[in-house]
Amino acid sequence: MAPVFSFGILQWAQRLGGLAELLTAPSRCGQRFVHRTPWAGDPGLAAQLLNHVQTANGGVDANGYTTNPAFDLLAEPWIPHFRQAGLSQSIERVQVQTAAAAAFRRSHDLITQTAPS
């Protein structure tokens, strides 16, 4: 069975692009999710993580394995970072806001396709 990384209340999946959507989602403060996490003290690492998850398949190959060993999110040092991020109420708010915005966007797109006027 291939490894799969997903995070948070909706299980934002790395391979399907959900994790990239969440990590780049603006919060009410206009900050990005990744800058409110434990690795925010290293802006270079935060930028590299964002770049990695925004590549094809979220930075994993067809079998679900990372394309960059430095960003194997199922291994150390990433596990405790995501665990800590998952306990943050501010990051939970970002997840809820991002999910609501995505649901609205999908509904809006469907409405405009089926009833454009």
Protein backbone atom coordinates (compact mmCIF):
# COMPACT_ATOMS: atom_id res chain seq x y z
CA MET A 1 0.00 0.00 0.00
CA ALA A 2 1.34 3.41 -0.97
CA PRO A 3 1.98 6.00 1.71
CA VAL A 4 -0.51 8.83 1.87
CA PHE A 5 -0.17 12.13 3.69
CA SER A 6 -3.19 14.18 4.56
CA PHE A 7 -3.67 16.70 7.32
CA GLY A 8 -6.35 18.32 9.41
CA ILE A 9 -10.06 18.38 9.88
CA LEU A 10 -10.83 17.60 6.24
CA GLN A 11 -7.76 15.49 5.63
CA TRP A 12 -6.19 17.85 3.11
CA ALA A 13 -4.46 15.34 0.82
CA GLN A 14 -0.96 16.03 -0.41
CA ARG A 15 -1.27 14.06 -3.64
CA LEU A 16 -4.61 15.59 -4.65
CA GLY A 17 -3.44 19.17 -4.14
CA GLY A 18 -5.50 19.81 -1.03
CA LEU A 19 -2.45 20.29 1.17
CA ALA A 20 -1.05 22.91 -1.21
CA GLU A 21 -4.43 24.66 -1.20
CA LEU A 22 -4.44 24.74 2.59
CA LEU A 23 -0.80 25.73 3.01
CA THR A 24 -1.22 28.68 0.69
CA ALA A 25 -4.66 29.77 1.90
CA PRO A 26 -4.87 33.29 3.24
CA SER A 27 -6.27 33.57 6.75
CA ARG A 28 -8.30 36.47 8.13
CA CYS A 29 -5.01 38.16 9.03
CA GLY A 30 -3.76 37.79 5.47
CA GLN A 31 -1.00 35.46 6.65
CA ARG A 32 -0.35 32.09 5.13
CA PHE A 33 -0.96 28.90 7.04
CA VAL A 34 2.67 27.87 6.83
CA HIS A 35 3.83 31.06 8.50
CA ARG A 36 1.75 30.26 11.58
CA THR A 37 3.35 26.89 12.18
CA PRO A 38 6.42 25.73 14.09
CA TRP A 39 8.66 25.99 11.02
CA ALA A 40 7.76 29.64 10.50
CA GLY A 41 11.06 30.56 12.14
CA ASP A 42 12.79 29.35 8.99
CA PRO A 43 11.28 31.29 6.07
CA GLY A 44 13.54 29.48 3.61
CA LEU A 45 12.23 26.10 4.74
CA ALA A 46 8.65 27.37 4.67
CA ALA A 47 9.12 28.58 1.08
CA GLN A 48 10.70 25.26 0.07
CA LEU A 49 7.80 23.33 1.62
CA LEU A 50 5.29 25.48 -0.26
CA ASN A 51 7.20 24.97 -3.51
CA HIS A 52 7.34 21.22 -2.93
CA VAL A 53 3.62 20.71 -2.28
CA GLN A 54 2.73 22.93 -5.25
CA THR A 55 4.57 20.66 -7.72
CA ALA A 56 2.82 17.94 -9.70
CA ASN A 57 0.87 15.52 -7.49
CA GLY A 58 1.70 17.61 -4.43
CA GLY A 59 5.33 16.53 -4.51
CA VAL A 60 4.76 12.78 -4.56
CA ASP A 61 5.14 10.24 -7.36
CA ALA A 62 2.43 7.98 -8.79
CA ASN A 63 3.00 5.53 -5.93
CA GLY A 64 2.63 8.20 -3.25
CA TYR A 65 6.32 8.50 -2.36
CA THR A 66 7.91 11.93 -2.03
CA THR A 67 9.87 13.27 -4.97
CA ASN A 68 12.18 15.10 -2.54
CA PRO A 69 13.45 13.19 0.52
CA ALA A 70 13.83 16.47 2.43
CA PHE A 71 10.04 16.80 2.27
CA ASP A 72 8.91 13.31 3.20
CA LEU A 73 5.99 14.55 5.30
CA LEU A 74 5.44 11.05 6.72
CA ALA A 75 8.85 11.09 8.40
CA GLU A 76 10.82 13.13 10.91
CA PRO A 77 11.13 16.07 11.35
CA TRP A 78 7.73 16.77 9.74
CA ILE A 79 5.52 14.56 11.93
CA PRO A 80 5.78 16.65 15.13
CA HIS A 81 5.43 19.89 13.13
CA PHE A 82 2.14 18.82 11.60
CA ARG A 83 1.01 17.32 14.90
CA GLN A 84 1.62 20.66 16.64
CA ALA A 85 -0.01 22.56 13.78
CA GLY A 86 -3.05 20.32 14.11
CA LEU A 87 -3.50 21.42 17.72
CA SER A 88 -3.56 25.12 16.87
CA GLN A 89 -6.94 26.85 17.04
CA SER A 90 -5.76 29.55 14.64
CA ILE A 91 -4.79 26.90 12.09
CA GLU A 92 -8.14 25.18 12.66
CA ARG A 93 -9.81 28.48 11.75
CA VAL A 94 -7.75 28.67 8.55
CA GLN A 95 -8.89 25.13 7.68
CA VAL A 96 -12.56 25.99 8.21
CA GLN A 97 -12.25 29.24 6.22
CA THR A 98 -10.43 27.47 3.39
CA ALA A 99 -12.99 24.66 3.25
CA ALA A 100 -15.89 27.13 3.21
CA ALA A 101 -14.26 29.22 0.47
CA ALA A 102 -13.61 26.13 -1.66
CA ALA A 103 -17.19 24.89 -1.22
CA PHE A 104 -18.53 28.32 -2.18
CA ARG A 105 -16.22 28.47 -5.20
CA ARG A 106 -17.41 25.03 -6.41
CA SER A 107 -21.08 25.99 -5.91
CA HIS A 108 -20.57 29.30 -7.68
CA ASP A 109 -18.85 27.61 -10.62
CA LEU A 110 -21.64 25.03 -10.93
CA ILE A 111 -24.35 27.69 -10.79
CA THR A 112 -22.67 29.86 -13.41
CA GLN A 113 -22.25 26.86 -15.72
CA THR A 114 -25.83 25.64 -15.42
CA ALA A 115 -27.61 28.98 -15.05
CA PRO A 116 -25.27 31.64 -16.43
CA SER A 117 -27.81 34.42 -16.55
